[in-house]
Amino acid sequence: MASSQDTKSLFNLTEQLEDAKKQFATLKGDLNARYIAWRDAKIEKANVSEMSDHEAWLFDRSLGIGGSDIGALLSMSPYNTRYMLWQDKCHSVVEFEGNNFTKWGNKLEAVVAQNFSEEFNFQIIQSPPADSGMMIGSHWLRFNIDFDIPDTPCMGEVKTASGESKANWGVGITPQDFATHKKANTLNSLAIIDLEQCEFPLAYFCQMQYYLMMKNKRYCFLTALIGGNDERHYLIRGNSDFQDLIYYRATYFMFHHVIELHQPLKTPFEQLQEYIAYDHSGEVDVDENEGLKSKLIELMKVNTMYSDLGKTKKEMEDEIKMVIGEKTEIVECGETLANWNTQERVSIDKDALEDEHPELFEKYKKVQTLRVLRLKKKQLQEE
């Protein structure tokens, strides 16, 4: 999957917006009427009255696009894709029930929001918890913000993240930064308005722009609690072009893919995983595929060269290490050409863990399905 920096460099808002407008223009009929008819039919068929509150909330989520869906729609989420989102909306895929991280993250959101209120000297109105059924929006576009800041052009969102993800979060702003720029009427220079400026996960930028569009607000504070003790603040300014892109993409996805049930394209990685998971069998005859055997022979030669190069590399490294000895660097005119430092690597004895704690091993093991291409050297020897 592409890195955040790759995604930023490949993203062209003008091109994306033009493409989204063309897609949107293909939608036919009165969209409001079409949506209401589809929604009412879904509700009647689902028998919502017999659902639990949480089940009813999950069902309601499937009837529209929410803020947490936007990152996937714009291919900015590291955890979700358009195809996965379509599966969730259309095929009742089991919803992620959460874990201790999400449990405590949800519980801490109100505390983090209140701390923001005190540090930035804002009166805030917090929204009900996300699973309370409180979904606000017009038909297929739904949203639930964490807190509003009444009588201002601002609103806020809270995120919690593990300490391991700290590198994904920039320094942000302080209450003093905000107060200084507010007094000087220069908030726009403080606020993040596009992906290139983004110093936190890109999916959150998409989500904030969506909320700003839905609430018709100018600024959104993003307050993140990282590792339980590191609070960082960011100010995002509304970008009308980006919000137009979100509206066109979200509406097209809702009608073309969810309501009309057209499956989105899978990512190359999803296609590969699906292909690997098949139960493959059968044979391919080289006589029916011209040049196939010669390719196998060439690949065998490359493998041999690769192995020999690996041995040569190891021998050269050992010679250099003998020269370095107890020292750590090779230098020229004060510049380091190479170093040989001690590093630690933590590994787990899987066999011992399985023997001594079989339940723990079974709980956390991950099984991957792979296909390995192996060449039969004897059969491929050239005559």
Protein backbone atom coordinates (compact mmCIF):
# COMPACT_ATOMS: atom_id res chain seq x y z
CA MET A 1 0.00 0.00 0.00
CA ALA A 2 1.29 3.47 -0.87
CA SER A 3 2.76 5.63 1.88
CA SER A 4 1.13 8.90 2.94
CA GLN A 5 3.86 10.83 1.12
CA ASP A 6 3.26 8.81 -2.06
CA THR A 7 -0.47 9.45 -1.79
CA LYS A 8 0.09 13.19 -1.37
CA SER A 9 2.38 13.39 -4.39
CA LEU A 10 0.06 11.34 -6.61
CA PHE A 11 -3.12 13.20 -5.63
CA ASN A 12 -4.18 15.94 -8.03
CA LEU A 13 -7.29 17.71 -6.76
CA THR A 14 -8.14 19.38 -10.09
CA GLU A 15 -8.02 16.08 -11.99
CA GLN A 16 -9.88 14.21 -9.27
CA LEU A 17 -12.63 16.82 -9.18
CA GLU A 18 -13.10 16.79 -12.96
CA ASP A 19 -13.36 13.00 -12.94
CA ALA A 20 -15.82 13.06 -10.03
CA LYS A 21 -18.03 15.60 -11.80
CA LYS A 22 -18.17 13.36 -14.89
CA GLN A 23 -19.17 10.37 -12.77
CA PHE A 24 -21.80 12.39 -10.93
CA ALA A 25 -23.29 13.61 -14.23
CA THR A 26 -24.11 10.00 -15.17
CA LEU A 27 -26.60 9.65 -12.31
CA LYS A 28 -30.17 9.81 -13.56
CA GLY A 29 -33.49 10.90 -12.11
CA ASP A 30 -34.55 12.68 -8.94
CA LEU A 31 -31.87 11.55 -6.48
CA ASN A 32 -33.88 12.46 -3.39
CA ALA A 33 -36.91 10.50 -4.55
CA ARG A 34 -34.78 7.54 -5.63
CA TYR A 35 -33.00 7.43 -2.30
CA ILE A 36 -36.16 7.69 -0.20
CA ALA A 37 -37.82 4.86 -2.13
CA TRP A 38 -34.76 2.64 -1.75
CA ARG A 39 -34.32 3.48 1.94
CA ASP A 40 -37.97 2.86 2.83
CA ALA A 41 -37.91 -0.51 1.06
CA LYS A 42 -34.76 -1.49 2.98
CA ILE A 43 -36.29 -0.47 6.32
CA GLU A 44 -39.52 -2.38 5.64
CA LYS A 45 -37.62 -5.52 4.70
CA ALA A 46 -35.21 -5.31 7.66
CA ASN A 47 -37.86 -5.28 10.42
CA VAL A 48 -35.92 -2.72 12.44
CA SER A 49 -38.35 -2.86 15.38
CA GLU A 50 -36.94 -6.25 16.40
CA MET A 51 -33.31 -5.09 16.36
CA SER A 52 -31.29 -4.10 19.41
CA ASP A 53 -30.25 -0.45 19.66
CA HIS A 54 -26.75 -1.28 18.44
CA GLU A 55 -28.03 -3.42 15.57
CA ALA A 56 -30.41 -0.63 14.55
CA TRP A 57 -27.52 1.85 14.62
CA LEU A 58 -25.39 -0.43 12.40
CA PHE A 59 -28.32 -0.83 10.01
CA ASP A 60 -28.78 2.94 9.88
CA ARG A 61 -25.08 3.32 9.00
CA SER A 62 -25.61 1.07 6.00
CA LEU A 63 -28.27 3.44 4.66
CA GLY A 64 -25.84 6.26 3.91
CA ILE A 65 -22.31 7.58 3.84
CA GLY A 66 -20.70 8.72 7.09
CA GLY A 67 -17.58 10.64 7.98
CA SER A 68 -15.48 7.55 8.67
CA ASP A 69 -16.28 6.28 5.14
CA ILE A 70 -14.74 9.24 3.31
CA GLY A 71 -11.11 8.16 3.62
CA ALA A 72 -11.93 4.85 1.89
CA LEU A 73 -13.97 6.61 -0.81
CA LEU A 74 -10.98 8.78 -1.70
CA SER A 75 -8.45 5.92 -1.34
CA MET A 76 -6.85 7.66 1.65
CA SER A 77 -7.49 5.00 4.29
CA PRO A 78 -4.81 2.45 5.23
CA TYR A 79 -7.47 0.15 6.69
CA ASN A 80 -10.39 0.26 4.29
CA THR A 81 -10.96 0.28 0.52
CA ARG A 82 -13.90 1.17 -1.69
CA TYR A 83 -14.60 -2.52 -2.26
CA MET A 84 -14.54 -3.27 1.49
CA LEU A 85 -16.84 -0.30 2.12
CA TRP A 86 -19.24 -1.57 -0.57
CA GLN A 87 -19.25 -5.01 1.07
CA ASP A 88 -20.13 -3.41 4.41
CA LYS A 89 -22.97 -1.37 2.94
CA CYS A 90 -24.47 -4.02 0.67
CA HIS A 91 -23.69 -7.45 2.02
CA SER A 92 -23.99 -7.22 5.79
CA VAL A 93 -20.35 -8.00 6.41
CA VAL A 94 -19.77 -8.49 10.15
CA GLU A 95 -19.05 -5.11 11.67
CA PHE A 96 -15.82 -4.63 13.63
CA GLU A 97 -16.93 -4.97 17.24
CA GLY A 98 -13.93 -3.13 18.65
CA ASN A 99 -11.18 -4.05 21.09
CA ASN A 100 -9.62 -2.55 24.21
CA PHE A 101 -8.02 0.24 22.16
CA THR A 102 -11.35 1.34 20.66
CA LYS A 103 -13.21 0.75 23.92
CA TRP A 104 -10.97 3.07 25.92
CA GLY A 105 -10.61 5.42 22.99
CA ASN A 106 -14.37 5.96 22.97
CA LYS A 107 -14.46 6.43 26.74
CA LEU A 108 -11.65 8.97 26.65
CA GLU A 109 -13.10 11.11 23.86
CA ALA A 110 -15.32 13.11 26.21
CA VAL A 111 -12.40 13.71 28.59
CA VAL A 112 -10.11 14.83 25.75
CA ALA A 113 -12.81 17.16 24.40
CA GLN A 114 -13.33 18.72 27.82
CA ASN A 115 -9.58 19.24 28.23
CA PHE A 116 -9.52 20.96 24.83
CA SER A 117 -12.33 23.23 26.02
CA GLU A 118 -10.31 24.26 29.07
CA GLU A 119 -6.99 24.75 27.25
CA PHE A 120 -8.44 26.77 24.36
CA ASN A 121 -11.02 28.58 26.52
CA PHE A 122 -14.00 27.50 24.38
CA GLN A 123 -17.47 26.52 25.46
CA ILE A 124 -18.27 23.30 23.63
CA ILE A 125 -21.34 21.15 23.08
CA GLN A 126 -20.46 17.47 22.92
CA SER A 127 -22.43 15.12 20.70
CA PRO A 128 -23.94 11.87 22.00
CA PRO A 129 -21.74 8.74 21.73
CA ALA A 130 -21.51 7.34 18.23
CA ASP A 131 -23.55 4.22 19.01
CA SER A 132 -26.45 6.18 20.52
CA GLY A 133 -28.25 6.25 17.17
CA MET A 134 -27.68 9.98 16.75
CA MET A 135 -26.98 10.30 13.03
CA ILE A 136 -27.62 13.74 11.56
CA GLY A 137 -27.78 14.44 7.86
CA SER A 138 -29.80 14.84 4.73
CA HIS A 139 -30.81 11.49 3.32
CA TRP A 140 -27.69 9.59 2.17
CA LEU A 141 -25.06 11.86 3.73
CA ARG A 142 -24.78 11.22 7.48
CA PHE A 143 -22.51 12.66 10.15
CA ASN A 144 -21.91 12.74 13.88
CA ILE A 145 -19.32 15.27 15.09
CA ASP A 146 -17.63 14.98 18.49
CA PHE A 147 -18.27 18.54 19.58
CA ASP A 148 -19.52 21.88 18.32
CA ILE A 149 -18.26 25.29 19.39
CA PRO A 150 -21.43 27.42 19.28
CA ASP A 151 -21.44 31.00 18.02
CA THR A 152 -18.11 30.46 16.25
CA PRO A 153 -17.11 29.16 12.79
CA CYS A 154 -15.42 26.22 14.57
CA MET A 155 -16.18 22.62 15.52
CA GLY A 156 -14.04 19.76 16.78
CA GLU A 157 -13.16 16.10 16.43
CA VAL A 158 -11.31 13.85 18.86
CA LYS A 159 -9.02 10.93 17.99
CA THR A 160 -7.07 8.56 20.20
CA ALA A 161 -4.01 6.72 18.92
CA SER A 162 -1.45 4.26 20.25
CA GLY A 163 2.04 5.38 21.17
CA GLU A 164 3.44 3.30 18.31
CA SER A 165 1.71 5.60 15.82
CA LYS A 166 3.33 8.77 17.16
CA ALA A 167 5.47 9.13 14.04
CA ASN A 168 2.28 9.65 12.00
CA TRP A 169 1.42 12.81 13.94
CA GLY A 170 3.13 16.17 13.55
CA VAL A 171 3.73 18.75 16.26
CA GLY A 172 0.45 20.61 15.70
CA ILE A 173 -0.48 23.90 17.37
CA THR A 174 -0.71 25.17 20.93
CA PRO A 175 -3.48 27.21 22.55
CA GLN A 176 -1.02 30.11 22.54
CA ASP A 177 -0.51 29.74 18.77
CA PHE A 178 -4.24 29.89 18.23
CA ALA A 179 -4.75 32.89 20.52
CA THR A 180 -1.94 34.83 18.83
CA HIS A 181 -3.21 34.20 15.30
CA LYS A 182 -6.81 34.81 16.28
CA LYS A 183 -5.89 38.20 17.75
CA ALA A 184 -3.92 39.08 14.60
CA ASN A 185 -6.75 37.80 12.38
CA THR A 186 -4.33 35.37 10.67
CA LEU A 187 -5.97 32.03 11.43
CA ASN A 188 -5.90 31.05 7.76
CA SER A 189 -2.10 30.95 7.85
CA LEU A 190 -2.25 28.61 10.85
CA ALA A 191 -4.82 26.21 9.43
CA ILE A 192 -4.24 23.16 7.22
CA ILE A 193 -6.21 23.39 3.98
CA ASP A 194 -4.83 20.63 1.73
CA LEU A 195 -3.20 17.20 1.83
CA GLU A 196 0.29 18.57 1.22
CA GLN A 197 0.17 20.41 4.55
CA CYS A 198 -1.33 17.46 6.39
CA GLU A 199 0.73 16.23 9.35
CA PHE A 200 -1.64 13.55 10.61
CA PRO A 201 -3.30 10.50 8.94
CA LEU A 202 -4.80 11.57 5.60
CA ALA A 203 -8.11 9.79 6.19
CA TYR A 204 -8.77 12.20 9.09
CA PHE A 205 -8.25 15.22 6.83
CA CYS A 206 -10.93 13.79 4.50
CA GLN A 207 -13.25 13.19 7.44
CA MET A 208 -12.77 16.74 8.78
CA GLN A 209 -13.51 18.28 5.37
CA TYR A 210 -16.69 16.22 5.18
CA TYR A 211 -17.85 17.41 8.61
CA LEU A 212 -17.05 21.03 7.75
CA MET A 213 -19.14 20.67 4.59
CA MET A 214 -22.06 19.10 6.46
CA LYS A 215 -21.98 21.63 9.31
CA ASN A 216 -21.22 24.59 7.03
CA LYS A 217 -18.36 25.58 9.35
CA ARG A 218 -15.04 27.18 8.42
CA TYR A 219 -12.63 25.53 10.87
CA CYS A 220 -12.33 22.15 12.55
CA PHE A 221 -10.05 21.40 15.49
CA LEU A 222 -8.59 17.91 15.51
CA THR A 223 -7.47 16.94 19.00
CA ALA A 224 -5.51 13.71 19.29
CA LEU A 225 -4.48 11.84 22.43
CA ILE A 226 -1.48 9.70 21.53
CA GLY A 227 -0.25 6.93 23.78
CA GLY A 228 -2.52 8.08 26.60
CA ASN A 229 -0.41 11.09 27.61
CA ASP A 230 0.52 13.13 24.53
CA GLU A 231 -2.20 15.52 23.41
CA ARG A 232 -1.79 17.34 20.08
CA HIS A 233 -4.03 19.86 18.34
CA TYR A 234 -4.48 20.73 14.68
CA LEU A 235 -6.62 23.32 12.94
CA ILE A 236 -8.16 22.40 9.57
CA ARG A 237 -9.73 24.99 7.28
CA GLY A 238 -12.53 24.13 4.88
CA ASN A 239 -11.52 23.59 1.26
CA SER A 240 -14.53 24.06 -1.03
CA ASP A 241 -12.98 22.17 -3.97
CA PHE A 242 -12.09 19.23 -1.75
CA GLN A 243 -15.59 19.27 -0.28
CA ASP A 244 -17.10 19.26 -3.78
CA LEU A 245 -14.95 16.23 -4.56
CA ILE A 246 -16.28 14.49 -1.44
CA TYR A 247 -19.90 15.27 -2.32
CA TYR A 248 -19.60 14.00 -5.89
CA ARG A 249 -17.67 10.86 -4.91
CA ALA A 250 -19.94 10.03 -1.97
CA THR A 251 -23.14 10.56 -3.92
CA TYR A 252 -21.93 8.57 -6.92
CA PHE A 253 -20.79 5.72 -4.67
CA MET A 254 -24.12 5.67 -2.85
CA PHE A 255 -26.25 5.52 -5.98
CA HIS A 256 -24.09 3.67 -8.49
CA HIS A 257 -22.52 1.14 -6.16
CA VAL A 258 -24.80 0.78 -3.12
CA ILE A 259 -28.29 1.37 -4.52
CA GLU A 260 -27.66 -0.03 -8.03
CA LEU A 261 -25.32 -2.74 -6.65
CA HIS A 262 -22.43 -2.21 -9.07
CA GLN A 263 -19.32 -3.70 -7.49
CA PRO A 264 -16.36 -1.26 -7.26
CA LEU A 265 -13.02 -2.33 -8.66
CA LYS A 266 -10.84 -4.15 -6.18
CA THR A 267 -7.35 -2.89 -5.51
CA PRO A 268 -4.50 -4.94 -7.07
CA PHE A 269 -3.68 -6.24 -3.59
CA GLU A 270 -7.28 -7.40 -3.03
CA GLN A 271 -7.29 -9.11 -6.42
CA LEU A 272 -4.04 -10.90 -5.62
CA GLN A 273 -5.27 -12.03 -2.21
CA GLU A 274 -8.47 -13.38 -3.73
CA TYR A 275 -6.55 -15.23 -6.43
CA ILE A 276 -4.13 -16.78 -3.93
CA ALA A 277 -7.01 -18.00 -1.75
CA TYR A 278 -8.43 -20.20 -4.55
CA ASP A 279 -7.94 -23.95 -4.38
CA HIS A 280 -5.63 -24.25 -7.38
CA SER A 281 -5.02 -27.54 -9.19
CA GLY A 282 -4.31 -28.91 -12.66
CA GLU A 283 -1.38 -28.79 -15.05
CA VAL A 284 0.00 -26.51 -17.76
CA ASP A 285 1.61 -28.32 -20.71
CA VAL A 286 4.77 -26.61 -22.01
CA ASP A 287 4.01 -27.92 -25.52
CA GLU A 288 0.89 -25.75 -25.54
CA ASN A 289 2.75 -22.63 -24.35
CA GLU A 290 5.56 -21.63 -26.67
CA GLY A 291 8.64 -20.37 -24.91
CA LEU A 292 7.48 -21.34 -21.41
CA LYS A 293 10.23 -23.91 -20.80
CA SER A 294 12.93 -21.51 -21.99
CA LYS A 295 11.62 -18.93 -19.48
CA LEU A 296 11.84 -21.50 -16.71
CA ILE A 297 15.44 -22.32 -17.67
CA GLU A 298 16.36 -18.62 -17.75
CA LEU A 299 14.74 -18.12 -14.36
CA MET A 300 16.76 -21.01 -12.96
CA LYS A 301 19.95 -19.33 -14.23
CA VAL A 302 18.92 -16.03 -12.63
CA ASN A 303 18.25 -17.83 -9.33
CA THR A 304 21.73 -19.38 -9.47
CA MET A 305 23.31 -15.99 -10.19
CA TYR A 306 21.32 -14.43 -7.34
CA SER A 307 22.53 -17.15 -4.96
CA ASP A 308 26.14 -16.71 -6.08
CA LEU A 309 25.89 -12.92 -5.69
CA GLY A 310 24.54 -13.42 -2.18
CA LYS A 311 27.60 -15.52 -1.30
CA THR A 312 29.92 -12.92 -2.83
CA LYS A 313 28.17 -10.15 -0.91
CA LYS A 314 28.59 -12.06 2.35
CA GLU A 315 32.30 -12.65 1.70
CA MET A 316 32.91 -8.95 0.92
CA GLU A 317 31.02 -7.84 4.02
CA ASP A 318 33.08 -10.22 6.20
CA GLU A 319 36.34 -8.84 4.78
CA ILE A 320 35.26 -5.24 5.53
CA LYS A 321 34.13 -6.19 9.04
CA MET A 322 37.56 -7.74 9.71
CA VAL A 323 39.15 -4.39 8.84
CA ILE A 324 36.76 -2.41 11.06
CA GLY A 325 37.36 -4.82 13.96
CA GLU A 326 36.48 -3.22 17.31
CA LYS A 327 35.93 0.20 15.77
CA THR A 328 32.57 1.25 14.29
CA GLU A 329 33.12 3.45 11.22
CA ILE A 330 35.07 3.82 7.99
CA VAL A 331 35.77 7.49 7.23
CA GLU A 332 37.32 9.64 4.53
CA CYS A 333 38.14 13.31 5.19
CA GLY A 334 35.78 13.26 8.15
CA GLU A 335 32.87 11.79 6.15
CA THR A 336 31.45 8.40 7.16
CA LEU A 337 31.53 5.89 4.31
CA ALA A 338 30.21 2.93 6.27
CA ASN A 339 29.47 1.90 9.84
CA TRP A 340 29.09 -1.37 11.70
CA ASN A 341 27.03 -0.90 14.83
CA THR A 342 25.43 -3.27 17.29
CA GLN A 343 21.66 -3.61 17.05
CA GLU A 344 19.14 -5.61 19.05
CA ARG A 345 16.38 -7.65 17.52
CA VAL A 346 13.53 -9.07 19.57
CA SER A 347 12.03 -12.32 18.36
CA ILE A 348 9.62 -14.84 19.83
CA ASP A 349 10.30 -18.55 20.21
CA LYS A 350 7.10 -19.74 18.53
CA ASP A 351 7.63 -23.40 19.39
CA ALA A 352 8.13 -22.66 23.09
CA LEU A 353 5.14 -20.30 23.14
CA GLU A 354 2.92 -22.91 21.50
CA ASP A 355 4.06 -25.61 23.97
CA GLU A 356 3.76 -23.52 27.13
CA HIS A 357 0.81 -21.26 26.24
CA PRO A 358 -1.19 -23.01 23.47
CA GLU A 359 -4.34 -20.91 24.01
CA LEU A 360 -2.40 -17.65 23.77
CA PHE A 361 -0.57 -18.90 20.68
CA GLU A 362 -3.83 -19.91 19.02
CA LYS A 363 -5.41 -16.56 19.82
CA TYR A 364 -2.68 -14.41 18.25
CA LYS A 365 -1.29 -16.53 15.44
CA LYS A 366 -1.83 -15.32 11.88
CA VAL A 367 -2.16 -17.75 9.00
CA GLN A 368 -1.29 -16.52 5.52
CA THR A 369 -2.03 -18.38 2.31
CA LEU A 370 0.88 -18.22 -0.11
CA ARG A 371 1.75 -19.77 -3.46
CA VAL A 372 5.44 -20.49 -3.97
CA LEU A 373 6.99 -21.06 -7.40
CA ARG A 374 9.62 -23.80 -7.14
CA LEU A 375 11.79 -24.91 -10.05
CA LYS A 376 12.76 -28.58 -10.51
CA LYS A 377 16.45 -28.20 -11.28
CA LYS A 378 17.01 -31.73 -12.49
CA GLN A 379 14.19 -31.63 -15.04
CA LEU A 380 15.25 -28.20 -16.34
CA GLN A 381 18.90 -29.02 -16.97
CA GLU A 382 19.73 -28.12 -20.58
CA GLU A 383 20.55 -31.07 -22.79
